Structure formats: structure tokens, C-alpha cells
Amino acid sequence: YKDTEDCLNEALRKARHSDELKSIFLANMSHEIRTPLNAIVGFSSLLAHGDLDLTKDDIIEFTSLIEKNSQLLMVLISDILDLSKIESNTMEFNFCNISLHQVLNEIGSAQRMNMKKGVELLLDLPGQEITISTDPTRLSQVINNLVNNAIKFTSEGNICIGYRPATSNRVKIFVEDTGTGMAKEVIEHIFDRFYKGDAFKQGTGLGLAICRTIAERFKGKIEVASTPGKGTRFTIILPLKVEE
């Protein structure tokens, strides 16, 4: 009876904690969504009024801000939709054999345009190319999410993505940065849904939770090591082949 009572109390504590995080999430979402929407509507209105004396540079700047905020809004909505798919167990996966060299090179080419001034994106690939059976879209989603997080917290230095064989049938994919790093108490919760280590950074607090779910669906896991003030390293450990 005592063991059963302890289990029920622990389940109740987790449920209350999850409910509290959801309440905070819903309160924050109105702000997270309203911010890019205000920018999109505001700058679109300025461009729509042809009587305003706008220079070519003004138009380029406004359209760039509209595009940036539209992409941010898409990320927010995608995270919410993915959470819904996870909770209803309807997230789809399409497995095929892919080259990790190709995946990481494509991500590197796309992400270089998102780097801040003073931050360099590096690729660290092994000499021998490795092929893995996975869902390339979902794997790219995980890696891009980790890179996007690194960009948020890195103001100088570099962000490095790469991979290495772990064993004969497993591989380690890593994303490492020279950013602000994280304290131990933050690391303990970063994979919790709705958790944000820095409330002032944009995002839903769902990205890492979704990444962990996808990695587990691949029969793998995500590990993190971080030192405050020096940087963070995320490592995705995956089998080379997954039974679908």
C-alpha cells in the first residue's frame, strides 16, 4: 500500500507540474505569436500605403523583416502541430537509406545564411562516409533545431556540426557551440515540454522535447554537456538501421 501511495503521489506531482507548465505556455504563446504578427502586419501596412515616401533600402529592410517574422511564426506553429501529433501518436515517419555527409552538408549550406556576425559555422565530417536508415526529414528537423538553439545563445566563436561512428552499428551526430552554456539545473529540465531556460529568448519551449521524441522513435537518444560561459554540445546517438 505504501509503495502504491508513493507512486500515486509522484504521478500527481508530475501531473500538477505539467499542468503548471501548460498554463505558463498558453500565457506565453499569446505573446510569442503576437510579436511576429505585429511586425508582419505593421510593415505590410507601411508597404501597402503607396503614398509613403519609402526609399529602395526601406522597402528591402521592411520585406526582410516580414520574411524573418513569417519564418518565426511558421516555426512556432510547426512546434505546436508536432506536439499535437506526438500526443495523438500520429507523427509519421518515412525511413530510407541516406548519406550523413549529404544531410549535414545540406544543413550547413542552409544554416550559414543564418549565422550572426562574428559566428562561423563549421562542418566536421569523418573521412569515410556513413549511410544510415532513417527519416531524413525528421532527422534534419532535429539537427536544425539544435543548430537554431545554438545560434540563439552564441554571439561569437563558432557552431560546429558533424558526426563520428560510435560503434559498428551506431553513430554519434553532434552540434557544438561556443555560446553562453547552461547551468546544471537548466540541463535537468531542457527536454521537458514547455520549459525555456531563458524566458527572454523566442520560442515555444517545445523544440528539444520534440527532438527527444523523434530520437527515441529512431531507437536513439540525445545527450548534452555544457559549461556556463564556454559552450554546449548536443550529441544524437542513433543506430545505423531501425526496424520500422
C-alpha atoms as a PDB file:
ATOM      1  CA  TYR A   1       0.000   0.000   0.000  1.00  0.00           C
ATOM      2  CA  LYS A   2       2.846   2.364   0.872  1.00  0.00           C
ATOM      3  CA  ASP A   3       4.552   1.764  -2.497  1.00  0.00           C
ATOM      4  CA  THR A   4       1.264   2.322  -4.337  1.00  0.00           C
ATOM      5  CA  GLU A   5       0.647   5.529  -2.401  1.00  0.00           C
ATOM      6  CA  ASP A   6       4.157   6.808  -3.213  1.00  0.00           C
ATOM      7  CA  CYS A   7       3.642   6.054  -6.921  1.00  0.00           C
ATOM      8  CA  LEU A   8       0.300   7.853  -6.954  1.00  0.00           C
ATOM      9  CA  ASN A   9       1.754  10.883  -5.154  1.00  0.00           C
ATOM     10  CA  GLU A  10       4.631  11.035  -7.655  1.00  0.00           C
ATOM     11  CA  ALA A  11       2.194  10.790 -10.575  1.00  0.00           C
ATOM     12  CA  LEU A  12       0.085  13.559  -9.031  1.00  0.00           C
ATOM     13  CA  ARG A  13       3.146  15.755  -8.587  1.00  0.00           C
ATOM     14  CA  LYS A  14       4.166  15.255 -12.219  1.00  0.00           C
ATOM     15  CA  ALA A  15       0.629  15.961 -13.422  1.00  0.00           C
ATOM     16  CA  ARG A  16       0.463  19.193 -11.426  1.00  0.00           C
ATOM     17  CA  HIS A  17       3.883  20.242 -12.698  1.00  0.00           C
ATOM     18  CA  SER A  18       2.844  19.507 -16.305  1.00  0.00           C
ATOM     19  CA  ASP A  19      -0.396  21.430 -15.819  1.00  0.00           C
ATOM     20  CA  GLU A  20       1.544  24.391 -14.425  1.00  0.00           C
ATOM     21  CA  LEU A  21       3.924  24.354 -17.402  1.00  0.00           C
ATOM     22  CA  LYS A  22       0.987  24.207 -19.828  1.00  0.00           C
ATOM     23  CA  SER A  23      -0.601  27.223 -18.152  1.00  0.00           C
ATOM     24  CA  ILE A  24       2.655  29.170 -18.457  1.00  0.00           C
ATOM     25  CA  PHE A  25       2.960  28.008 -22.077  1.00  0.00           C
ATOM     26  CA  LEU A  26      -0.535  29.214 -23.003  1.00  0.00           C
ATOM     27  CA  ALA A  27       0.124  32.562 -21.341  1.00  0.00           C
ATOM     28  CA  ASN A  28       3.400  32.950 -23.232  1.00  0.00           C
ATOM     29  CA  MET A  29       2.023  31.808 -26.589  1.00  0.00           C
ATOM     30  CA  SER A  30      -0.165  34.876 -26.992  1.00  0.00           C
ATOM     31  CA  HIS A  31       2.976  36.998 -26.692  1.00  0.00           C
ATOM     32  CA  GLU A  32       5.126  34.682 -28.842  1.00  0.00           C
ATOM     33  CA  ILE A  33       2.584  34.686 -31.691  1.00  0.00           C
ATOM     34  CA  ARG A  34       1.538  38.320 -31.372  1.00  0.00           C
ATOM     35  CA  THR A  35       5.113  39.636 -31.643  1.00  0.00           C
ATOM     36  CA  PRO A  36       5.859  38.350 -35.197  1.00  0.00           C
ATOM     37  CA  LEU A  37       2.265  39.009 -36.281  1.00  0.00           C
ATOM     38  CA  ASN A  38       2.516  42.656 -35.207  1.00  0.00           C
ATOM     39  CA  ALA A  39       5.719  43.023 -37.223  1.00  0.00           C
ATOM     40  CA  ILE A  40       4.206  41.351 -40.309  1.00  0.00           C
ATOM     41  CA  VAL A  41       1.014  43.413 -40.185  1.00  0.00           C
ATOM     42  CA  GLY A  42       2.829  46.653 -39.356  1.00  0.00           C
ATOM     43  CA  PHE A  43       5.448  46.530 -42.101  1.00  0.00           C
ATOM     44  CA  SER A  44       2.936  45.152 -44.627  1.00  0.00           C
ATOM     45  CA  SER A  45       0.706  48.155 -43.928  1.00  0.00           C
ATOM     46  CA  LEU A  46       3.599  50.539 -44.497  1.00  0.00           C
ATOM     47  CA  LEU A  47       4.376  48.905 -47.846  1.00  0.00           C
ATOM     48  CA  ALA A  48       0.703  48.851 -48.844  1.00  0.00           C
ATOM     49  CA  HIS A  49       0.386  52.635 -48.495  1.00  0.00           C
ATOM     50  CA  GLY A  50       1.849  53.779 -51.783  1.00  0.00           C
ATOM     51  CA  ASP A  51       1.685  57.429 -50.735  1.00  0.00           C
ATOM     52  CA  LEU A  52       4.512  56.991 -48.227  1.00  0.00           C
ATOM     53  CA  ASP A  53       7.912  58.222 -49.364  1.00  0.00           C
ATOM     54  CA  LEU A  54       9.876  54.962 -48.987  1.00  0.00           C
ATOM     55  CA  THR A  55      13.369  54.517 -50.377  1.00  0.00           C
ATOM     56  CA  LYS A  56      14.535  51.285 -52.006  1.00  0.00           C
ATOM     57  CA  ASP A  57      16.566  50.498 -48.869  1.00  0.00           C
ATOM     58  CA  ASP A  58      13.442  50.980 -46.716  1.00  0.00           C
ATOM     59  CA  ILE A  59      11.485  48.529 -48.869  1.00  0.00           C
ATOM     60  CA  ILE A  60      14.282  45.940 -48.742  1.00  0.00           C
ATOM     61  CA  GLU A  61      14.522  46.284 -44.953  1.00  0.00           C
ATOM     62  CA  PHE A  62      10.744  46.007 -44.440  1.00  0.00           C
ATOM     63  CA  THR A  63      10.361  42.962 -46.710  1.00  0.00           C
ATOM     64  CA  SER A  64      13.315  41.305 -44.967  1.00  0.00           C
ATOM     65  CA  LEU A  65      11.678  41.847 -41.566  1.00  0.00           C
ATOM     66  CA  ILE A  66       8.374  40.476 -42.870  1.00  0.00           C
ATOM     67  CA  GLU A  67      10.128  37.355 -44.160  1.00  0.00           C
ATOM     68  CA  LYS A  68      12.068  36.863 -40.902  1.00  0.00           C
ATOM     69  CA  ASN A  69       8.954  37.152 -38.739  1.00  0.00           C
ATOM     70  CA  SER A  70       6.940  34.922 -41.083  1.00  0.00           C
ATOM     71  CA  GLN A  71       9.564  32.196 -40.697  1.00  0.00           C
ATOM     72  CA  LEU A  72       9.480  32.617 -36.908  1.00  0.00           C
ATOM     73  CA  LEU A  73       5.705  32.271 -36.936  1.00  0.00           C
ATOM     74  CA  MET A  74       5.973  29.119 -39.055  1.00  0.00           C
ATOM     75  CA  VAL A  75       8.380  27.575 -36.533  1.00  0.00           C
ATOM     76  CA  LEU A  76       6.012  28.354 -33.644  1.00  0.00           C
ATOM     77  CA  ILE A  77       3.041  26.815 -35.437  1.00  0.00           C
ATOM     78  CA  SER A  78       5.059  23.774 -36.580  1.00  0.00           C
ATOM     79  CA  ASP A  79       6.126  23.069 -32.980  1.00  0.00           C
ATOM     80  CA  ILE A  80       2.520  23.210 -31.787  1.00  0.00           C
ATOM     81  CA  LEU A  81       1.362  20.909 -34.604  1.00  0.00           C
ATOM     82  CA  ASP A  82       4.188  18.440 -33.892  1.00  0.00           C
ATOM     83  CA  LEU A  83       3.253  18.401 -30.204  1.00  0.00           C
ATOM     84  CA  SER A  84      -0.320  17.593 -31.182  1.00  0.00           C
ATOM     85  CA  LYS A  85       0.889  14.730 -33.410  1.00  0.00           C
ATOM     86  CA  ILE A  86       3.083  13.366 -30.618  1.00  0.00           C
ATOM     87  CA  GLU A  87       0.272  13.411 -28.067  1.00  0.00           C
ATOM     88  CA  SER A  88      -2.143  11.711 -30.504  1.00  0.00           C
ATOM     89  CA  ASN A  89       0.586   9.281 -31.690  1.00  0.00           C
ATOM     90  CA  THR A  90       0.058  10.307 -35.327  1.00  0.00           C
ATOM     91  CA  MET A  91       3.536  11.639 -36.180  1.00  0.00           C
ATOM     92  CA  GLU A  92       4.539   9.946 -39.438  1.00  0.00           C
ATOM     93  CA  PHE A  93       7.999   8.594 -40.276  1.00  0.00           C
ATOM     94  CA  ASN A  94       9.287   7.521 -43.701  1.00  0.00           C
ATOM     95  CA  PHE A  95      12.523   5.565 -43.467  1.00  0.00           C
ATOM     96  CA  CYS A  96      15.114   5.253 -46.212  1.00  0.00           C
ATOM     97  CA  ASN A  97      18.899   4.935 -46.576  1.00  0.00           C
ATOM     98  CA  ILE A  98      20.659   8.308 -46.650  1.00  0.00           C
ATOM     99  CA  SER A  99      24.215   9.637 -46.544  1.00  0.00           C
ATOM    100  CA  LEU A 100      25.029  11.619 -43.407  1.00  0.00           C
ATOM    101  CA  HIS A 101      27.591  13.567 -45.430  1.00  0.00           C
ATOM    102  CA  GLN A 102      24.795  14.738 -47.721  1.00  0.00           C
ATOM    103  CA  VAL A 103      22.386  15.588 -44.868  1.00  0.00           C
ATOM    104  CA  LEU A 104      24.918  17.618 -42.899  1.00  0.00           C
ATOM    105  CA  ASN A 105      26.285  19.383 -45.991  1.00  0.00           C
ATOM    106  CA  GLU A 106      22.748  20.472 -46.941  1.00  0.00           C
ATOM    107  CA  ILE A 107      22.053  21.702 -43.402  1.00  0.00           C
ATOM    108  CA  GLY A 108      25.381  23.531 -43.320  1.00  0.00           C
ATOM    109  CA  SER A 109      24.717  25.299 -46.621  1.00  0.00           C
ATOM    110  CA  ALA A 110      21.290  26.471 -45.456  1.00  0.00           C
ATOM    111  CA  GLN A 111      22.318  27.466 -41.929  1.00  0.00           C
ATOM    112  CA  ARG A 112      25.360  29.518 -42.969  1.00  0.00           C
ATOM    113  CA  MET A 113      22.971  32.255 -44.075  1.00  0.00           C
ATOM    114  CA  ASN A 114      21.524  32.392 -40.527  1.00  0.00           C
ATOM    115  CA  MET A 115      24.811  32.909 -38.697  1.00  0.00           C
ATOM    116  CA  LYS A 116      25.315  36.074 -36.674  1.00  0.00           C
ATOM    117  CA  LYS A 117      28.192  38.388 -37.470  1.00  0.00           C
ATOM    118  CA  GLY A 118      31.292  37.018 -35.756  1.00  0.00           C
ATOM    119  CA  VAL A 119      29.975  33.433 -35.597  1.00  0.00           C
ATOM    120  CA  GLU A 120      31.301  30.798 -38.025  1.00  0.00           C
ATOM    121  CA  LEU A 121      29.550  27.559 -38.948  1.00  0.00           C
ATOM    122  CA  LEU A 122      31.929  24.601 -39.178  1.00  0.00           C
ATOM    123  CA  LEU A 123      31.435  21.093 -40.574  1.00  0.00           C
ATOM    124  CA  ASP A 124      33.377  18.212 -39.019  1.00  0.00           C
ATOM    125  CA  LEU A 125      32.810  15.092 -41.121  1.00  0.00           C
ATOM    126  CA  PRO A 126      34.792  11.828 -40.980  1.00  0.00           C
ATOM    127  CA  GLY A 127      36.880  10.665 -43.913  1.00  0.00           C
ATOM    128  CA  GLN A 128      34.663   7.671 -44.592  1.00  0.00           C
ATOM    129  CA  GLU A 129      31.055   8.401 -45.489  1.00  0.00           C
ATOM    130  CA  ILE A 130      28.368   6.660 -43.406  1.00  0.00           C
ATOM    131  CA  THR A 131      24.916   5.625 -44.611  1.00  0.00           C
ATOM    132  CA  ILE A 132      22.051   5.397 -42.117  1.00  0.00           C
ATOM    133  CA  SER A 133      18.479   4.133 -42.335  1.00  0.00           C
ATOM    134  CA  THR A 134      16.265   6.923 -41.006  1.00  0.00           C
ATOM    135  CA  ASP A 135      13.644   9.527 -41.861  1.00  0.00           C
ATOM    136  CA  PRO A 136      15.742  12.301 -43.471  1.00  0.00           C
ATOM    137  CA  THR A 137      13.095  14.982 -42.915  1.00  0.00           C
ATOM    138  CA  ARG A 138      12.739  14.261 -39.200  1.00  0.00           C
ATOM    139  CA  LEU A 139      16.498  13.863 -38.712  1.00  0.00           C
ATOM    140  CA  SER A 140      17.098  17.221 -40.403  1.00  0.00           C
ATOM    141  CA  GLN A 141      14.396  18.717 -38.174  1.00  0.00           C
ATOM    142  CA  VAL A 142      16.281  17.576 -35.057  1.00  0.00           C
ATOM    143  CA  ILE A 143      19.686  18.810 -36.248  1.00  0.00           C
ATOM    144  CA  ASN A 144      18.312  22.144 -37.477  1.00  0.00           C
ATOM    145  CA  ASN A 145      16.539  22.658 -34.161  1.00  0.00           C
ATOM    146  CA  LEU A 146      19.807  22.114 -32.275  1.00  0.00           C
ATOM    147  CA  VAL A 147      21.644  24.481 -34.630  1.00  0.00           C
ATOM    148  CA  ASN A 148      18.916  27.130 -34.234  1.00  0.00           C
ATOM    149  CA  ASN A 149      19.225  26.859 -30.456  1.00  0.00           C
ATOM    150  CA  ALA A 150      22.995  27.246 -30.736  1.00  0.00           C
ATOM    151  CA  ILE A 151      22.528  30.386 -32.857  1.00  0.00           C
ATOM    152  CA  LYS A 152      20.297  31.935 -30.171  1.00  0.00           C
ATOM    153  CA  PHE A 153      22.926  31.528 -27.466  1.00  0.00           C
ATOM    154  CA  THR A 154      26.147  32.100 -29.434  1.00  0.00           C
ATOM    155  CA  SER A 155      27.304  35.670 -30.075  1.00  0.00           C
ATOM    156  CA  GLU A 156      30.913  34.931 -31.049  1.00  0.00           C
ATOM    157  CA  GLY A 157      33.112  31.989 -31.938  1.00  0.00           C
ATOM    158  CA  ASN A 158      31.678  29.079 -33.862  1.00  0.00           C
ATOM    159  CA  ILE A 159      28.989  26.440 -34.163  1.00  0.00           C
ATOM    160  CA  CYS A 160      30.215  23.033 -35.304  1.00  0.00           C
ATOM    161  CA  ILE A 161      28.086  20.187 -36.668  1.00  0.00           C
ATOM    162  CA  GLY A 162      29.441  16.764 -37.539  1.00  0.00           C
ATOM    163  CA  TYR A 163      29.343  13.064 -36.822  1.00  0.00           C
ATOM    164  CA  ARG A 164      31.509  10.090 -35.939  1.00  0.00           C
ATOM    165  CA  PRO A 165      30.937   6.330 -35.842  1.00  0.00           C
ATOM    166  CA  ALA A 166      30.197   5.307 -32.240  1.00  0.00           C
ATOM    167  CA  THR A 167      30.296   1.505 -32.626  1.00  0.00           C
ATOM    168  CA  SER A 168      29.962  -0.878 -35.555  1.00  0.00           C
ATOM    169  CA  ASN A 169      26.207  -0.255 -35.686  1.00  0.00           C
ATOM    170  CA  ARG A 170      25.725   3.187 -34.134  1.00  0.00           C
ATOM    171  CA  VAL A 171      26.674   6.764 -34.978  1.00  0.00           C
ATOM    172  CA  LYS A 172      27.064   9.999 -32.999  1.00  0.00           C
ATOM    173  CA  ILE A 173      25.877  13.253 -34.587  1.00  0.00           C
ATOM    174  CA  PHE A 174      26.868  16.388 -32.673  1.00  0.00           C
ATOM    175  CA  VAL A 175      26.113  20.105 -32.586  1.00  0.00           C
ATOM    176  CA  GLU A 176      28.636  22.084 -30.545  1.00  0.00           C
ATOM    177  CA  ASP A 177      28.823  25.826 -29.883  1.00  0.00           C
ATOM    178  CA  THR A 178      30.953  28.391 -28.057  1.00  0.00           C
ATOM    179  CA  GLY A 179      27.905  30.132 -26.593  1.00  0.00           C
ATOM    180  CA  THR A 180      26.720  31.013 -23.110  1.00  0.00           C
ATOM    181  CA  GLY A 181      26.390  27.430 -21.919  1.00  0.00           C
ATOM    182  CA  MET A 182      23.920  26.149 -19.336  1.00  0.00           C
ATOM    183  CA  ALA A 183      23.901  25.552 -15.608  1.00  0.00           C
ATOM    184  CA  LYS A 184      23.255  22.055 -14.239  1.00  0.00           C
ATOM    185  CA  GLU A 185      19.755  22.946 -13.017  1.00  0.00           C
ATOM    186  CA  VAL A 186      18.813  24.130 -16.533  1.00  0.00           C
ATOM    187  CA  ILE A 187      20.174  20.970 -18.196  1.00  0.00           C
ATOM    188  CA  GLU A 188      17.965  18.843 -15.932  1.00  0.00           C
ATOM    189  CA  HIS A 189      14.825  20.354 -17.494  1.00  0.00           C
ATOM    190  CA  ILE A 190      15.710  21.317 -21.078  1.00  0.00           C
ATOM    191  CA  PHE A 191      13.917  18.289 -22.550  1.00  0.00           C
ATOM    192  CA  ASP A 192      10.732  18.990 -20.576  1.00  0.00           C
ATOM    193  CA  ARG A 193       7.798  20.231 -22.610  1.00  0.00           C
ATOM    194  CA  PHE A 194       7.118  23.982 -22.382  1.00  0.00           C
ATOM    195  CA  TYR A 195      10.388  24.585 -20.491  1.00  0.00           C
ATOM    196  CA  LYS A 196      12.514  27.570 -21.508  1.00  0.00           C
ATOM    197  CA  GLY A 197      15.931  28.023 -19.928  1.00  0.00           C
ATOM    198  CA  ASP A 198      15.823  31.717 -20.845  1.00  0.00           C
ATOM    199  CA  ALA A 199      12.351  33.247 -20.766  1.00  0.00           C
ATOM    200  CA  PHE A 200      13.577  36.215 -22.820  1.00  0.00           C
ATOM    201  CA  LYS A 201      14.563  34.070 -25.830  1.00  0.00           C
ATOM    202  CA  GLN A 202      11.967  33.488 -28.534  1.00  0.00           C
ATOM    203  CA  GLY A 203      10.428  30.042 -28.852  1.00  0.00           C
ATOM    204  CA  THR A 204       7.742  27.738 -27.510  1.00  0.00           C
ATOM    205  CA  GLY A 205       9.867  25.607 -25.203  1.00  0.00           C
ATOM    206  CA  LEU A 206       8.798  22.576 -27.254  1.00  0.00           C
ATOM    207  CA  GLY A 207      11.713  22.153 -29.667  1.00  0.00           C
ATOM    208  CA  LEU A 208      14.003  19.976 -27.537  1.00  0.00           C
ATOM    209  CA  ALA A 209      11.118  17.869 -26.243  1.00  0.00           C
ATOM    210  CA  ILE A 210      10.117  17.158 -29.849  1.00  0.00           C
ATOM    211  CA  CYS A 211      13.750  16.375 -30.746  1.00  0.00           C
ATOM    212  CA  ARG A 212      13.975  13.829 -27.940  1.00  0.00           C
ATOM    213  CA  THR A 213      10.731  12.159 -29.046  1.00  0.00           C
ATOM    214  CA  ILE A 214      12.000  11.857 -32.627  1.00  0.00           C
ATOM    215  CA  ALA A 215      15.369  10.472 -31.451  1.00  0.00           C
ATOM    216  CA  GLU A 216      13.580   7.873 -29.312  1.00  0.00           C
ATOM    217  CA  ARG A 217      11.432   6.891 -32.314  1.00  0.00           C
ATOM    218  CA  PHE A 218      14.734   6.236 -34.116  1.00  0.00           C
ATOM    219  CA  LYS A 219      15.675   3.955 -31.142  1.00  0.00           C
ATOM    220  CA  GLY A 220      18.306   6.501 -30.177  1.00  0.00           C
ATOM    221  CA  LYS A 221      18.833   9.247 -27.617  1.00  0.00           C
ATOM    222  CA  ILE A 222      20.154  12.785 -27.160  1.00  0.00           C
ATOM    223  CA  GLU A 223      22.854  13.679 -24.656  1.00  0.00           C
ATOM    224  CA  VAL A 224      24.012  17.151 -23.616  1.00  0.00           C
ATOM    225  CA  ALA A 225      27.163  18.510 -21.995  1.00  0.00           C
ATOM    226  CA  SER A 226      27.553  22.192 -21.178  1.00  0.00           C
ATOM    227  CA  THR A 227      29.795  24.600 -19.296  1.00  0.00           C
ATOM    228  CA  PRO A 228      28.461  28.069 -18.380  1.00  0.00           C
ATOM    229  CA  GLY A 229      30.353  30.726 -20.299  1.00  0.00           C
ATOM    230  CA  LYS A 230      32.109  28.230 -22.582  1.00  0.00           C
ATOM    231  CA  GLY A 231      29.504  26.454 -24.679  1.00  0.00           C
ATOM    232  CA  THR A 232      27.269  23.434 -25.172  1.00  0.00           C
ATOM    233  CA  ARG A 233      27.486  20.146 -27.047  1.00  0.00           C
ATOM    234  CA  PHE A 234      24.414  18.104 -28.012  1.00  0.00           C
ATOM    235  CA  THR A 235      25.027  14.542 -29.187  1.00  0.00           C
ATOM    236  CA  ILE A 236      22.443  12.438 -31.035  1.00  0.00           C
ATOM    237  CA  ILE A 237      23.251   8.722 -30.755  1.00  0.00           C
ATOM    238  CA  LEU A 238      21.446   6.643 -33.390  1.00  0.00           C
ATOM    239  CA  PRO A 239      21.539   3.083 -34.716  1.00  0.00           C
ATOM    240  CA  LEU A 240      22.514   2.740 -38.359  1.00  0.00           C
ATOM    241  CA  LYS A 241      19.346   0.724 -39.030  1.00  0.00           C
ATOM    242  CA  VAL A 242      15.946   0.858 -37.331  1.00  0.00           C
ATOM    243  CA  GLU A 243      13.265  -1.806 -37.540  1.00  0.00           C
ATOM    244  CA  GLU A 244      10.215   0.104 -38.766  1.00  0.00           C
END
